[in-house]
Amino acid sequence: MRSALFLALALTGSAALAEEAAPTADDLVALIEENGCSMEEADAEALLSPHGFTPENVAPLVDALIADGRASLDGAVLTVKTEACP
């Protein structure tokens, strides 16, 4: 279940970011936990792009988190489900 907000991230300098190690689902969860356990569409680019996330690498991570029950998507809000964010 991919959301347009994550696929539509307008990133600059993505070629330089692609040279770094791809971020993981755990990296995404940690960022969202630090953001108060959820991330709204308006926050996605500012929160994710400085950490190497691109539309190509974040979409499968979001799908996996949702499939594993570690996150939920309600409209344009992605919320993680962890010990820190019950």
PDB file of N, CA and C in Angstrom:
ATOM      1  N   MET A   1       0.855  -1.165   0.000  1.00  0.00           N
ATOM      2  CA  MET A   1       0.000   0.000   0.000  1.00  0.00           C
ATOM      3  C   MET A   1       0.901   1.228   0.000  1.00  0.00           C
ATOM      4  N   ARG A   2       1.185   1.715  -1.160  1.00  0.00           N
ATOM      5  CA  ARG A   2       2.064   2.880  -1.265  1.00  0.00           C
ATOM      6  C   ARG A   2       1.233   4.141  -1.280  1.00  0.00           C
ATOM      7  N   SER A   3       1.696   5.106  -0.595  1.00  0.00           N
ATOM      8  CA  SER A   3       1.014   6.385  -0.552  1.00  0.00           C
ATOM      9  C   SER A   3       1.713   7.359  -1.480  1.00  0.00           C
ATOM     10  N   ALA A   4       0.935   8.172  -2.132  1.00  0.00           N
ATOM     11  CA  ALA A   4       1.495   9.160  -3.044  1.00  0.00           C
ATOM     12  C   ALA A   4       2.455  10.088  -2.329  1.00  0.00           C
ATOM     13  N   LEU A   5       2.227  10.329  -1.040  1.00  0.00           N
ATOM     14  CA  LEU A   5       3.115  11.252  -0.337  1.00  0.00           C
ATOM     15  C   LEU A   5       4.543  10.748  -0.308  1.00  0.00           C
ATOM     16  N   PHE A   6       4.747   9.444  -0.209  1.00  0.00           N
ATOM     17  CA  PHE A   6       6.094   8.908  -0.150  1.00  0.00           C
ATOM     18  C   PHE A   6       6.684   8.729  -1.533  1.00  0.00           C
ATOM     19  N   LEU A   7       5.836   8.468  -2.511  1.00  0.00           N
ATOM     20  CA  LEU A   7       6.323   8.313  -3.874  1.00  0.00           C
ATOM     21  C   LEU A   7       6.590   9.658  -4.520  1.00  0.00           C
ATOM     22  N   ALA A   8       5.961  10.713  -4.023  1.00  0.00           N
ATOM     23  CA  ALA A   8       6.063  12.021  -4.641  1.00  0.00           C
ATOM     24  C   ALA A   8       7.101  12.919  -3.986  1.00  0.00           C
ATOM     25  N   LEU A   9       7.976  12.350  -3.194  1.00  0.00           N
ATOM     26  CA  LEU A   9       9.024  13.167  -2.571  1.00  0.00           C
ATOM     27  C   LEU A   9       9.853  13.822  -3.662  1.00  0.00           C
ATOM     28  N   ALA A  10       9.913  15.122  -3.632  1.00  0.00           N
ATOM     29  CA  ALA A  10      10.728  15.855  -4.602  1.00  0.00           C
ATOM     30  C   ALA A  10      12.090  16.076  -3.980  1.00  0.00           C
ATOM     31  N   LEU A  11      13.055  15.302  -4.424  1.00  0.00           N
ATOM     32  CA  LEU A  11      14.368  15.349  -3.800  1.00  0.00           C
ATOM     33  C   LEU A  11      15.381  15.998  -4.728  1.00  0.00           C
ATOM     34  N   THR A  12      16.250  16.784  -4.143  1.00  0.00           N
ATOM     35  CA  THR A  12      17.349  17.354  -4.902  1.00  0.00           C
ATOM     36  C   THR A  12      18.623  16.663  -4.468  1.00  0.00           C
ATOM     37  N   GLY A  13      19.531  16.516  -5.375  1.00  0.00           N
ATOM     38  CA  GLY A  13      20.792  15.854  -5.046  1.00  0.00           C
ATOM     39  C   GLY A  13      20.648  14.370  -4.839  1.00  0.00           C
ATOM     40  N   SER A  14      19.659  13.749  -5.436  1.00  0.00           N
ATOM     41  CA  SER A  14      19.433  12.323  -5.197  1.00  0.00           C
ATOM     42  C   SER A  14      20.562  11.460  -5.726  1.00  0.00           C
ATOM     43  N   ALA A  15      21.304  11.909  -6.715  1.00  0.00           N
ATOM     44  CA  ALA A  15      22.421  11.123  -7.228  1.00  0.00           C
ATOM     45  C   ALA A  15      23.501  10.965  -6.157  1.00  0.00           C
ATOM     46  N   ALA A  16      23.782  12.041  -5.431  1.00  0.00           N
ATOM     47  CA  ALA A  16      24.779  11.962  -4.360  1.00  0.00           C
ATOM     48  C   ALA A  16      24.293  11.064  -3.237  1.00  0.00           C
ATOM     49  N   LEU A  17      23.015  11.133  -2.936  1.00  0.00           N
ATOM     50  CA  LEU A  17      22.465  10.295  -1.871  1.00  0.00           C
ATOM     51  C   LEU A  17      22.491   8.828  -2.260  1.00  0.00           C
ATOM     52  N   ALA A  18      22.310   8.538  -3.540  1.00  0.00           N
ATOM     53  CA  ALA A  18      22.281   7.157  -4.002  1.00  0.00           C
ATOM     54  C   ALA A  18      23.620   6.470  -3.790  1.00  0.00           C
ATOM     55  N   GLU A  19      24.703   7.238  -3.725  1.00  0.00           N
ATOM     56  CA  GLU A  19      26.026   6.660  -3.523  1.00  0.00           C
ATOM     57  C   GLU A  19      26.219   6.180  -2.093  1.00  0.00           C
ATOM     58  N   GLU A  20      25.458   6.691  -1.156  1.00  0.00           N
ATOM     59  CA  GLU A  20      25.552   6.259   0.232  1.00  0.00           C
ATOM     60  C   GLU A  20      24.771   4.965   0.405  1.00  0.00           C
ATOM     61  N   ALA A  21      24.987   4.291   1.515  1.00  0.00           N
ATOM     62  CA  ALA A  21      24.248   3.070   1.804  1.00  0.00           C
ATOM     63  C   ALA A  21      22.761   3.380   1.891  1.00  0.00           C
ATOM     64  N   ALA A  22      21.961   2.514   1.319  1.00  0.00           N
ATOM     65  CA  ALA A  22      20.508   2.711   1.337  1.00  0.00           C
ATOM     66  C   ALA A  22      19.992   2.598   2.773  1.00  0.00           C
ATOM     67  N   PRO A  23      19.103   3.494   3.158  1.00  0.00           N
ATOM     68  CA  PRO A  23      18.530   3.417   4.503  1.00  0.00           C
ATOM     69  C   PRO A  23      17.642   2.185   4.639  1.00  0.00           C
ATOM     70  N   THR A  24      17.464   1.757   5.860  1.00  0.00           N
ATOM     71  CA  THR A  24      16.687   0.551   6.148  1.00  0.00           C
ATOM     72  C   THR A  24      15.331   0.896   6.751  1.00  0.00           C
ATOM     73  N   ALA A  25      14.491  -0.122   6.894  1.00  0.00           N
ATOM     74  CA  ALA A  25      13.190   0.060   7.542  1.00  0.00           C
ATOM     75  C   ALA A  25      13.385   0.532   8.978  1.00  0.00           C
ATOM     76  N   ASP A  26      14.398   0.014   9.653  1.00  0.00           N
ATOM     77  CA  ASP A  26      14.666   0.445  11.031  1.00  0.00           C
ATOM     78  C   ASP A  26      15.063   1.920  11.078  1.00  0.00           C
ATOM     79  N   ASP A  27      15.799   2.379  10.064  1.00  0.00           N
ATOM     80  CA  ASP A  27      16.146   3.798   9.980  1.00  0.00           C
ATOM     81  C   ASP A  27      14.879   4.643   9.838  1.00  0.00           C
ATOM     82  N   LEU A  28      13.965   4.186   8.996  1.00  0.00           N
ATOM     83  CA  LEU A  28      12.713   4.902   8.789  1.00  0.00           C
ATOM     84  C   LEU A  28      11.890   4.941  10.068  1.00  0.00           C
ATOM     85  N   VAL A  29      11.797   3.814  10.746  1.00  0.00           N
ATOM     86  CA  VAL A  29      11.053   3.752  12.005  1.00  0.00           C
ATOM     87  C   VAL A  29      11.659   4.710  13.030  1.00  0.00           C
ATOM     88  N   ALA A  30      12.970   4.721  13.142  1.00  0.00           N
ATOM     89  CA  ALA A  30      13.635   5.601  14.112  1.00  0.00           C
ATOM     90  C   ALA A  30      13.330   7.072  13.830  1.00  0.00           C
ATOM     91  N   LEU A  31      13.361   7.458  12.569  1.00  0.00           N
ATOM     92  CA  LEU A  31      13.052   8.848  12.228  1.00  0.00           C
ATOM     93  C   LEU A  31      11.610   9.201  12.576  1.00  0.00           C
ATOM     94  N   ILE A  32      10.708   8.284  12.298  1.00  0.00           N
ATOM     95  CA  ILE A  32       9.300   8.561  12.586  1.00  0.00           C
ATOM     96  C   ILE A  32       9.053   8.568  14.092  1.00  0.00           C
ATOM     97  N   GLU A  33       9.720   7.696  14.833  1.00  0.00           N
ATOM     98  CA  GLU A  33       9.615   7.737  16.299  1.00  0.00           C
ATOM     99  C   GLU A  33      10.065   9.100  16.822  1.00  0.00           C
ATOM    100  N   GLU A  34      11.200   9.581  16.308  1.00  0.00           N
ATOM    101  CA  GLU A  34      11.721  10.885  16.737  1.00  0.00           C
ATOM    102  C   GLU A  34      10.788  12.030  16.351  1.00  0.00           C
ATOM    103  N   ASN A  35       9.951  11.791  15.363  1.00  0.00           N
ATOM    104  CA  ASN A  35       9.006  12.806  14.890  1.00  0.00           C
ATOM    105  C   ASN A  35       7.675  12.728  15.634  1.00  0.00           C
ATOM    106  N   GLY A  36       7.614  11.976  16.706  1.00  0.00           N
ATOM    107  CA  GLY A  36       6.383  11.866  17.476  1.00  0.00           C
ATOM    108  C   GLY A  36       5.527  10.682  17.084  1.00  0.00           C
ATOM    109  N   CYS A  37       6.127   9.686  16.454  1.00  0.00           N
ATOM    110  CA  CYS A  37       5.496   8.412  16.100  1.00  0.00           C
ATOM    111  C   CYS A  37       4.708   8.437  14.791  1.00  0.00           C
ATOM    112  N   SER A  38       4.577   9.591  14.174  1.00  0.00           N
ATOM    113  CA  SER A  38       3.886   9.641  12.887  1.00  0.00           C
ATOM    114  C   SER A  38       4.530  10.694  12.004  1.00  0.00           C
ATOM    115  N   MET A  39       4.200  10.595  10.726  1.00  0.00           N
ATOM    116  CA  MET A  39       4.718  11.544   9.762  1.00  0.00           C
ATOM    117  C   MET A  39       3.612  11.897   8.785  1.00  0.00           C
ATOM    118  N   GLU A  40       3.371  13.183   8.638  1.00  0.00           N
ATOM    119  CA  GLU A  40       2.363  13.657   7.705  1.00  0.00           C
ATOM    120  C   GLU A  40       3.012  13.970   6.368  1.00  0.00           C
ATOM    121  N   GLU A  41       2.191  14.039   5.342  1.00  0.00           N
ATOM    122  CA  GLU A  41       2.677  14.324   4.000  1.00  0.00           C
ATOM    123  C   GLU A  41       3.558  15.569   3.969  1.00  0.00           C
ATOM    124  N   ALA A  42       3.146  16.601   4.654  1.00  0.00           N
ATOM    125  CA  ALA A  42       3.896  17.861   4.648  1.00  0.00           C
ATOM    126  C   ALA A  42       5.282  17.716   5.260  1.00  0.00           C
ATOM    127  N   ASP A  43       5.483  16.700   6.102  1.00  0.00           N
ATOM    128  CA  ASP A  43       6.767  16.500   6.781  1.00  0.00           C
ATOM    129  C   ASP A  43       7.709  15.562   6.036  1.00  0.00           C
ATOM    130  N   ALA A  44       7.204  14.808   5.090  1.00  0.00           N
ATOM    131  CA  ALA A  44       7.965  13.712   4.484  1.00  0.00           C
ATOM    132  C   ALA A  44       9.294  14.160   3.881  1.00  0.00           C
ATOM    133  N   GLU A  45       9.278  15.134   3.005  1.00  0.00           N
ATOM    134  CA  GLU A  45      10.522  15.533   2.347  1.00  0.00           C
ATOM    135  C   GLU A  45      11.542  16.054   3.339  1.00  0.00           C
ATOM    136  N   ALA A  46      11.123  16.938   4.228  1.00  0.00           N
ATOM    137  CA  ALA A  46      12.054  17.531   5.191  1.00  0.00           C
ATOM    138  C   ALA A  46      12.625  16.487   6.134  1.00  0.00           C
ATOM    139  N   LEU A  47      11.830  15.514   6.504  1.00  0.00           N
ATOM    140  CA  LEU A  47      12.276  14.496   7.447  1.00  0.00           C
ATOM    141  C   LEU A  47      13.132  13.423   6.778  1.00  0.00           C
ATOM    142  N   LEU A  48      12.743  13.001   5.602  1.00  0.00           N
ATOM    143  CA  LEU A  48      13.379  11.836   4.983  1.00  0.00           C
ATOM    144  C   LEU A  48      14.570  12.132   4.087  1.00  0.00           C
ATOM    145  N   SER A  49      14.480  13.149   3.264  1.00  0.00           N
ATOM    146  CA  SER A  49      15.537  13.353   2.268  1.00  0.00           C
ATOM    147  C   SER A  49      16.923  13.592   2.858  1.00  0.00           C
ATOM    148  N   PRO A  50      17.072  14.269   3.989  1.00  0.00           N
ATOM    149  CA  PRO A  50      18.427  14.438   4.538  1.00  0.00           C
ATOM    150  C   PRO A  50      19.061  13.123   5.005  1.00  0.00           C
ATOM    151  N   HIS A  51      18.266  12.081   5.112  1.00  0.00           N
ATOM    152  CA  HIS A  51      18.761  10.795   5.606  1.00  0.00           C
ATOM    153  C   HIS A  51      18.882   9.755   4.501  1.00  0.00           C
ATOM    154  N   GLY A  52      18.868  10.213   3.245  1.00  0.00           N
ATOM    155  CA  GLY A  52      19.112   9.307   2.133  1.00  0.00           C
ATOM    156  C   GLY A  52      17.892   8.596   1.584  1.00  0.00           C
ATOM    157  N   PHE A  53      16.706   8.946   2.050  1.00  0.00           N
ATOM    158  CA  PHE A  53      15.500   8.316   1.521  1.00  0.00           C
ATOM    159  C   PHE A  53      15.119   8.954   0.194  1.00  0.00           C
ATOM    160  N   THR A  54      14.732   8.129  -0.741  1.00  0.00           N
ATOM    161  CA  THR A  54      14.245   8.569  -2.049  1.00  0.00           C
ATOM    162  C   THR A  54      12.894   7.905  -2.286  1.00  0.00           C
ATOM    163  N   PRO A  55      12.131   8.369  -3.257  1.00  0.00           N
ATOM    164  CA  PRO A  55      10.866   7.686  -3.554  1.00  0.00           C
ATOM    165  C   PRO A  55      11.081   6.212  -3.890  1.00  0.00           C
ATOM    166  N   GLU A  56      12.201   5.916  -4.542  1.00  0.00           N
ATOM    167  CA  GLU A  56      12.477   4.534  -4.939  1.00  0.00           C
ATOM    168  C   GLU A  56      12.801   3.633  -3.756  1.00  0.00           C
ATOM    169  N   ASN A  57      13.477   4.158  -2.727  1.00  0.00           N
ATOM    170  CA  ASN A  57      13.838   3.268  -1.620  1.00  0.00           C
ATOM    171  C   ASN A  57      12.856   3.320  -0.455  1.00  0.00           C
ATOM    172  N   VAL A  58      12.080   4.378  -0.336  1.00  0.00           N
ATOM    173  CA  VAL A  58      11.171   4.460   0.807  1.00  0.00           C
ATOM    174  C   VAL A  58       9.876   3.669   0.570  1.00  0.00           C
ATOM    175  N   ALA A  59       9.399   3.624  -0.648  1.00  0.00           N
ATOM    176  CA  ALA A  59       8.122   2.946  -0.922  1.00  0.00           C
ATOM    177  C   ALA A  59       8.139   1.474  -0.496  1.00  0.00           C
ATOM    178  N   PRO A  60       9.161   0.690  -0.866  1.00  0.00           N
ATOM    179  CA  PRO A  60       9.171  -0.708  -0.417  1.00  0.00           C
ATOM    180  C   PRO A  60       9.314  -0.850   1.097  1.00  0.00           C
ATOM    181  N   LEU A  61      10.013   0.091   1.726  1.00  0.00           N
ATOM    182  CA  LEU A  61      10.154   0.045   3.179  1.00  0.00           C
ATOM    183  C   LEU A  61       8.810   0.295   3.858  1.00  0.00           C
ATOM    184  N   VAL A  62       8.064   1.272   3.358  1.00  0.00           N
ATOM    185  CA  VAL A  62       6.734   1.558   3.909  1.00  0.00           C
ATOM    186  C   VAL A  62       5.832   0.348   3.719  1.00  0.00           C
ATOM    187  N   ASP A  63       5.863  -0.231   2.525  1.00  0.00           N
ATOM    188  CA  ASP A  63       5.046  -1.424   2.258  1.00  0.00           C
ATOM    189  C   ASP A  63       5.378  -2.552   3.230  1.00  0.00           C
ATOM    190  N   ALA A  64       6.669  -2.779   3.453  1.00  0.00           N
ATOM    191  CA  ALA A  64       7.099  -3.850   4.359  1.00  0.00           C
ATOM    192  C   ALA A  64       6.683  -3.567   5.794  1.00  0.00           C
ATOM    193  N   LEU A  65       6.825  -2.332   6.240  1.00  0.00           N
ATOM    194  CA  LEU A  65       6.429  -1.984   7.610  1.00  0.00           C
ATOM    195  C   LEU A  65       4.930  -2.198   7.812  1.00  0.00           C
ATOM    196  N   ILE A  66       4.144  -1.816   6.830  1.00  0.00           N
ATOM    197  CA  ILE A  66       2.693  -2.006   6.928  1.00  0.00           C
ATOM    198  C   ILE A  66       2.362  -3.495   6.921  1.00  0.00           C
ATOM    199  N   ALA A  67       2.983  -4.251   6.015  1.00  0.00           N
ATOM    200  CA  ALA A  67       2.729  -5.689   5.923  1.00  0.00           C
ATOM    201  C   ALA A  67       3.114  -6.416   7.210  1.00  0.00           C
ATOM    202  N   ASP A  68       4.191  -5.953   7.860  1.00  0.00           N
ATOM    203  CA  ASP A  68       4.658  -6.567   9.104  1.00  0.00           C
ATOM    204  C   ASP A  68       3.892  -6.085  10.332  1.00  0.00           C
ATOM    205  N   GLY A  69       2.982  -5.136  10.148  1.00  0.00           N
ATOM    206  CA  GLY A  69       2.234  -4.598  11.279  1.00  0.00           C
ATOM    207  C   GLY A  69       3.019  -3.602  12.112  1.00  0.00           C
ATOM    208  N   ARG A  70       4.143  -3.119  11.578  1.00  0.00           N
ATOM    209  CA  ARG A  70       4.974  -2.163  12.311  1.00  0.00           C
ATOM    210  C   ARG A  70       4.581  -0.725  12.036  1.00  0.00           C
ATOM    211  N   ALA A  71       3.652  -0.534  11.080  1.00  0.00           N
ATOM    212  CA  ALA A  71       3.201   0.817  10.747  1.00  0.00           C
ATOM    213  C   ALA A  71       1.801   0.728  10.152  1.00  0.00           C
ATOM    214  N   SER A  72       1.119   1.867  10.161  1.00  0.00           N
ATOM    215  CA  SER A  72      -0.190   1.957   9.520  1.00  0.00           C
ATOM    216  C   SER A  72      -0.257   3.265   8.756  1.00  0.00           C
ATOM    217  N   LEU A  73      -1.062   3.256   7.719  1.00  0.00           N
ATOM    218  CA  LEU A  73      -1.224   4.440   6.891  1.00  0.00           C
ATOM    219  C   LEU A  73      -2.685   4.828   6.925  1.00  0.00           C
ATOM    220  N   ASP A  74      -2.949   6.043   7.390  1.00  0.00           N
ATOM    221  CA  ASP A  74      -4.308   6.577   7.461  1.00  0.00           C
ATOM    222  C   ASP A  74      -4.334   7.870   6.673  1.00  0.00           C
ATOM    223  N   GLY A  75      -4.843   7.788   5.455  1.00  0.00           N
ATOM    224  CA  GLY A  75      -4.819   8.958   4.586  1.00  0.00           C
ATOM    225  C   GLY A  75      -3.388   9.322   4.265  1.00  0.00           C
ATOM    226  N   ALA A  76      -2.959  10.503   4.660  1.00  0.00           N
ATOM    227  CA  ALA A  76      -1.610  10.978   4.386  1.00  0.00           C
ATOM    228  C   ALA A  76      -0.724  10.936   5.624  1.00  0.00           C
ATOM    229  N   VAL A  77      -1.075  10.085   6.588  1.00  0.00           N
ATOM    230  CA  VAL A  77      -0.299   9.998   7.829  1.00  0.00           C
ATOM    231  C   VAL A  77       0.199   8.568   8.022  1.00  0.00           C
ATOM    232  N   LEU A  78       1.512   8.422   8.099  1.00  0.00           N
ATOM    233  CA  LEU A  78       2.143   7.142   8.389  1.00  0.00           C
ATOM    234  C   LEU A  78       2.490   7.128   9.873  1.00  0.00           C
ATOM    235  N   THR A  79       2.013   6.106  10.582  1.00  0.00           N
ATOM    236  CA  THR A  79       2.251   5.983  12.018  1.00  0.00           C
ATOM    237  C   THR A  79       2.955   4.660  12.287  1.00  0.00           C
ATOM    238  N   VAL A  80       4.021   4.701  13.075  1.00  0.00           N
ATOM    239  CA  VAL A  80       4.727   3.474  13.435  1.00  0.00           C
ATOM    240  C   VAL A  80       4.152   2.901  14.720  1.00  0.00           C
ATOM    241  N   LYS A  81       4.269   1.594  14.840  1.00  0.00           N
ATOM    242  CA  LYS A  81       3.804   0.858  16.018  1.00  0.00           C
ATOM    243  C   LYS A  81       5.004   0.140  16.618  1.00  0.00           C
ATOM    244  N   THR A  82       5.561   0.741  17.667  1.00  0.00           N
ATOM    245  CA  THR A  82       6.741   0.185  18.321  1.00  0.00           C
ATOM    246  C   THR A  82       6.549   0.289  19.834  1.00  0.00           C
ATOM    247  N   GLU A  83       7.545  -0.188  20.576  1.00  0.00           N
ATOM    248  CA  GLU A  83       7.478  -0.041  22.031  1.00  0.00           C
ATOM    249  C   GLU A  83       7.415   1.438  22.406  1.00  0.00           C
ATOM    250  N   ALA A  84       8.165   2.251  21.691  1.00  0.00           N
ATOM    251  CA  ALA A  84       8.168   3.694  21.964  1.00  0.00           C
ATOM    252  C   ALA A  84       6.896   4.384  21.464  1.00  0.00           C
ATOM    253  N   CYS A  85       6.220   3.738  20.538  1.00  0.00           N
ATOM    254  CA  CYS A  85       5.013   4.308  19.924  1.00  0.00           C
ATOM    255  C   CYS A  85       3.903   3.245  19.876  1.00  0.00           C
ATOM    256  N   PRO A  86       3.320   2.943  21.025  1.00  0.00           N
ATOM    257  CA  PRO A  86       2.307   1.869  21.055  1.00  0.00           C
ATOM    258  C   PRO A  86       1.034   2.213  20.292  1.00  0.00           C
TER     259      PRO A  86
END
